[in-house]
Amino acid sequence: MTWADLLDGLEAELMGDPAGALPWHPPPGLGPLPAHLEDRARAVVRAQADRSRQLRAELDTVRGHLDALDRIPQRHPDAVYLDLDG
């Protein structure tokens, strides 16, 4: 695997479904980042940070919705029979 391949994969993951992302581990033996790929690597890091902020905001929104739903009183129907055998 080359650095260009690695950056291709990271960029593709940013465009795809985050639910399908796997934990990332740097490939062994890749060596130092070539100078001509530094700007691209920085752009990937910025895009990942932006996506992380976006996901945090979405999570906060979902938590707010769940909190609102939790405040709705639950109506439980009255039992229509009493089970004496069970």
N, C-alpha and C. Protein backbone atom coordinates (compact mmCIF):
# COMPACT_ATOMS: atom_id res chain seq x y z
N MET A 1 0.85 -1.18 0.00
CA MET A 1 0.00 0.00 0.00
C MET A 1 0.89 1.23 0.00
N THR A 2 0.47 2.22 -0.77
CA THR A 2 1.21 3.48 -0.82
C THR A 2 0.44 4.55 -0.04
N TRP A 3 1.11 5.69 0.20
CA TRP A 3 0.43 6.79 0.86
C TRP A 3 -0.75 7.29 0.02
N ALA A 4 -0.59 7.31 -1.28
CA ALA A 4 -1.68 7.75 -2.15
C ALA A 4 -2.88 6.81 -2.01
N ASP A 5 -2.63 5.50 -1.94
CA ASP A 5 -3.71 4.53 -1.73
C ASP A 5 -4.41 4.78 -0.39
N LEU A 6 -3.61 5.01 0.63
CA LEU A 6 -4.15 5.25 1.95
C LEU A 6 -5.04 6.48 1.96
N LEU A 7 -4.56 7.58 1.36
CA LEU A 7 -5.36 8.80 1.31
C LEU A 7 -6.62 8.60 0.48
N ASP A 8 -6.51 7.83 -0.60
CA ASP A 8 -7.71 7.51 -1.40
C ASP A 8 -8.77 6.84 -0.53
N GLY A 9 -8.34 5.88 0.27
CA GLY A 9 -9.27 5.16 1.13
C GLY A 9 -9.89 6.05 2.19
N LEU A 10 -9.08 6.91 2.81
CA LEU A 10 -9.61 7.81 3.83
C LEU A 10 -10.60 8.79 3.23
N GLU A 11 -10.29 9.31 2.05
CA GLU A 11 -11.22 10.23 1.38
C GLU A 11 -12.52 9.53 1.01
N ALA A 12 -12.43 8.29 0.56
CA ALA A 12 -13.63 7.53 0.20
C ALA A 12 -14.51 7.29 1.43
N GLU A 13 -13.89 7.00 2.57
CA GLU A 13 -14.66 6.79 3.80
C GLU A 13 -15.38 8.06 4.22
N LEU A 14 -14.76 9.22 3.99
CA LEU A 14 -15.41 10.48 4.34
C LEU A 14 -16.67 10.71 3.52
N MET A 15 -16.69 10.21 2.31
CA MET A 15 -17.84 10.39 1.42
C MET A 15 -18.91 9.32 1.63
N GLY A 16 -18.54 8.23 2.29
CA GLY A 16 -19.45 7.09 2.43
C GLY A 16 -20.24 7.13 3.72
N ASP A 17 -20.79 6.00 4.05
CA ASP A 17 -21.62 5.83 5.24
C ASP A 17 -20.72 5.64 6.45
N PRO A 18 -20.77 6.56 7.43
CA PRO A 18 -19.89 6.42 8.60
C PRO A 18 -20.21 5.19 9.44
N ALA A 19 -21.42 4.67 9.32
CA ALA A 19 -21.78 3.49 10.11
C ALA A 19 -20.98 2.27 9.68
N GLY A 20 -20.52 2.26 8.45
CA GLY A 20 -19.77 1.12 7.94
C GLY A 20 -18.27 1.22 8.16
N ALA A 21 -17.82 2.32 8.76
CA ALA A 21 -16.39 2.52 8.96
C ALA A 21 -15.85 1.57 10.02
N LEU A 22 -14.68 1.06 9.78
CA LEU A 22 -14.01 0.16 10.72
C LEU A 22 -12.94 0.94 11.47
N PRO A 23 -12.53 0.46 12.65
CA PRO A 23 -11.42 1.12 13.33
C PRO A 23 -10.19 1.16 12.42
N TRP A 24 -9.50 2.28 12.44
CA TRP A 24 -8.37 2.46 11.54
C TRP A 24 -7.06 2.20 12.26
N HIS A 25 -6.19 1.49 11.60
CA HIS A 25 -4.84 1.26 12.08
C HIS A 25 -3.90 1.55 10.93
N PRO A 26 -2.82 2.30 11.17
CA PRO A 26 -1.89 2.59 10.08
C PRO A 26 -1.27 1.31 9.55
N PRO A 27 -1.18 1.20 8.23
CA PRO A 27 -0.55 0.00 7.68
C PRO A 27 0.94 -0.05 8.03
N PRO A 28 1.46 -1.22 8.30
CA PRO A 28 2.88 -1.33 8.64
C PRO A 28 3.76 -1.06 7.42
N GLY A 29 4.92 -0.51 7.68
CA GLY A 29 5.92 -0.34 6.63
C GLY A 29 5.62 0.75 5.63
N LEU A 30 4.74 1.68 5.98
CA LEU A 30 4.38 2.73 5.03
C LEU A 30 5.48 3.77 4.89
N GLY A 31 6.22 4.00 5.94
CA GLY A 31 7.29 4.99 5.88
C GLY A 31 6.74 6.40 6.06
N PRO A 32 7.62 7.39 6.00
CA PRO A 32 7.18 8.77 6.19
C PRO A 32 6.32 9.26 5.02
N LEU A 33 5.47 10.22 5.32
CA LEU A 33 4.61 10.82 4.30
C LEU A 33 5.45 11.62 3.31
N PRO A 34 5.32 11.35 2.02
CA PRO A 34 6.07 12.13 1.03
C PRO A 34 5.62 13.60 1.04
N ALA A 35 6.55 14.48 0.81
CA ALA A 35 6.28 15.92 0.87
C ALA A 35 5.17 16.33 -0.10
N HIS A 36 5.10 15.70 -1.27
CA HIS A 36 4.11 16.12 -2.26
C HIS A 36 2.67 15.73 -1.86
N LEU A 37 2.52 14.93 -0.79
CA LEU A 37 1.19 14.54 -0.32
C LEU A 37 0.78 15.25 0.98
N GLU A 38 1.65 16.13 1.48
CA GLU A 38 1.36 16.79 2.76
C GLU A 38 0.07 17.61 2.71
N ASP A 39 -0.12 18.40 1.66
CA ASP A 39 -1.33 19.23 1.58
C ASP A 39 -2.58 18.35 1.51
N ARG A 40 -2.51 17.29 0.77
CA ARG A 40 -3.66 16.37 0.66
C ARG A 40 -3.95 15.73 2.01
N ALA A 41 -2.92 15.31 2.73
CA ALA A 41 -3.10 14.70 4.04
C ALA A 41 -3.72 15.70 5.02
N ARG A 42 -3.27 16.95 4.97
CA ARG A 42 -3.85 17.99 5.84
C ARG A 42 -5.33 18.21 5.50
N ALA A 43 -5.65 18.18 4.22
CA ALA A 43 -7.04 18.35 3.80
C ALA A 43 -7.91 17.20 4.33
N VAL A 44 -7.37 16.00 4.32
CA VAL A 44 -8.11 14.84 4.85
C VAL A 44 -8.34 15.02 6.34
N VAL A 45 -7.33 15.46 7.07
CA VAL A 45 -7.48 15.67 8.52
C VAL A 45 -8.53 16.75 8.79
N ARG A 46 -8.51 17.85 8.02
CA ARG A 46 -9.53 18.89 8.19
C ARG A 46 -10.93 18.35 7.90
N ALA A 47 -11.05 17.57 6.83
CA ALA A 47 -12.36 17.00 6.47
C ALA A 47 -12.85 16.03 7.55
N GLN A 48 -11.93 15.26 8.14
CA GLN A 48 -12.31 14.35 9.22
C GLN A 48 -12.78 15.14 10.44
N ALA A 49 -12.09 16.23 10.75
CA ALA A 49 -12.49 17.06 11.89
C ALA A 49 -13.86 17.68 11.64
N ASP A 50 -14.09 18.16 10.42
CA ASP A 50 -15.40 18.73 10.07
C ASP A 50 -16.50 17.68 10.22
N ARG A 51 -16.24 16.48 9.73
CA ARG A 51 -17.23 15.40 9.81
C ARG A 51 -17.49 15.02 11.27
N SER A 52 -16.44 15.02 12.08
CA SER A 52 -16.59 14.71 13.49
C SER A 52 -17.49 15.74 14.17
N ARG A 53 -17.29 17.03 13.87
CA ARG A 53 -18.15 18.07 14.44
C ARG A 53 -19.60 17.90 13.98
N GLN A 54 -19.77 17.57 12.72
CA GLN A 54 -21.11 17.36 12.18
C GLN A 54 -21.80 16.19 12.88
N LEU A 55 -21.08 15.10 13.07
CA LEU A 55 -21.66 13.93 13.74
C LEU A 55 -22.01 14.24 15.19
N ARG A 56 -21.16 15.03 15.87
CA ARG A 56 -21.46 15.41 17.25
C ARG A 56 -22.74 16.24 17.32
N ALA A 57 -22.90 17.17 16.37
CA ALA A 57 -24.11 18.00 16.33
C ALA A 57 -25.35 17.14 16.06
N GLU A 58 -25.23 16.19 15.15
CA GLU A 58 -26.35 15.29 14.87
C GLU A 58 -26.69 14.44 16.09
N LEU A 59 -25.68 13.98 16.79
CA LEU A 59 -25.90 13.18 18.00
C LEU A 59 -26.61 14.02 19.07
N ASP A 60 -26.20 15.28 19.23
CA ASP A 60 -26.86 16.16 20.19
C ASP A 60 -28.33 16.35 19.83
N THR A 61 -28.62 16.49 18.54
CA THR A 61 -30.01 16.65 18.09
C THR A 61 -30.82 15.40 18.42
N VAL A 62 -30.27 14.24 18.13
CA VAL A 62 -30.98 12.99 18.41
C VAL A 62 -31.20 12.83 19.92
N ARG A 63 -30.20 13.17 20.71
CA ARG A 63 -30.36 13.08 22.17
C ARG A 63 -31.48 14.01 22.64
N GLY A 64 -31.55 15.21 22.05
CA GLY A 64 -32.64 16.13 22.40
C GLY A 64 -34.00 15.55 22.06
N HIS A 65 -34.09 14.90 20.91
CA HIS A 65 -35.36 14.27 20.52
C HIS A 65 -35.72 13.15 21.49
N LEU A 66 -34.74 12.34 21.85
CA LEU A 66 -35.00 11.24 22.78
C LEU A 66 -35.41 11.76 24.16
N ASP A 67 -34.76 12.84 24.61
CA ASP A 67 -35.14 13.44 25.89
C ASP A 67 -36.58 13.92 25.85
N ALA A 68 -36.97 14.56 24.74
CA ALA A 68 -38.35 15.04 24.61
C ALA A 68 -39.33 13.87 24.63
N LEU A 69 -39.00 12.80 23.95
CA LEU A 69 -39.88 11.62 23.95
C LEU A 69 -39.99 11.00 25.34
N ASP A 70 -38.90 11.02 26.09
CA ASP A 70 -38.92 10.46 27.45
C ASP A 70 -39.85 11.24 28.38
N ARG A 71 -40.11 12.53 28.08
CA ARG A 71 -40.96 13.35 28.93
C ARG A 71 -42.45 13.16 28.64
N ILE A 72 -42.77 12.46 27.58
CA ILE A 72 -44.17 12.21 27.26
C ILE A 72 -44.69 11.13 28.20
N PRO A 73 -45.78 11.44 28.92
CA PRO A 73 -46.32 10.42 29.84
C PRO A 73 -46.75 9.18 29.07
N GLN A 74 -46.42 8.05 29.62
CA GLN A 74 -46.79 6.78 29.00
C GLN A 74 -48.15 6.34 29.54
N ARG A 75 -49.00 5.91 28.66
CA ARG A 75 -50.31 5.40 29.06
C ARG A 75 -50.26 3.89 28.97
N HIS A 76 -50.54 3.26 30.07
CA HIS A 76 -50.55 1.80 30.12
C HIS A 76 -52.00 1.35 30.26
N PRO A 77 -52.47 0.48 29.40
CA PRO A 77 -53.86 0.02 29.53
C PRO A 77 -54.03 -0.80 30.81
N ASP A 78 -55.21 -0.68 31.36
CA ASP A 78 -55.52 -1.46 32.56
C ASP A 78 -55.62 -2.94 32.20
N ALA A 79 -55.20 -3.78 33.12
CA ALA A 79 -55.30 -5.22 32.90
C ALA A 79 -56.77 -5.62 32.82
N VAL A 80 -57.09 -6.51 31.91
CA VAL A 80 -58.49 -6.93 31.75
C VAL A 80 -58.76 -8.26 32.44
N TYR A 81 -57.71 -8.92 32.92
CA TYR A 81 -57.91 -10.17 33.65
C TYR A 81 -56.74 -10.36 34.60
N LEU A 82 -56.92 -11.20 35.56
CA LEU A 82 -55.87 -11.52 36.53
C LEU A 82 -55.48 -12.97 36.33
N ASP A 83 -54.21 -13.21 36.06
CA ASP A 83 -53.72 -14.57 35.81
C ASP A 83 -53.35 -15.20 37.15
N LEU A 84 -54.13 -16.16 37.60
CA LEU A 84 -53.87 -16.82 38.87
C LEU A 84 -52.98 -18.05 38.73
N ASP A 85 -52.84 -18.56 37.51
CA ASP A 85 -52.05 -19.78 37.30
C ASP A 85 -50.59 -19.47 36.95
N GLY A 86 -50.29 -18.34 36.42
CA GLY A 86 -48.96 -18.06 35.89
C GLY A 86 -48.11 -17.38 36.85
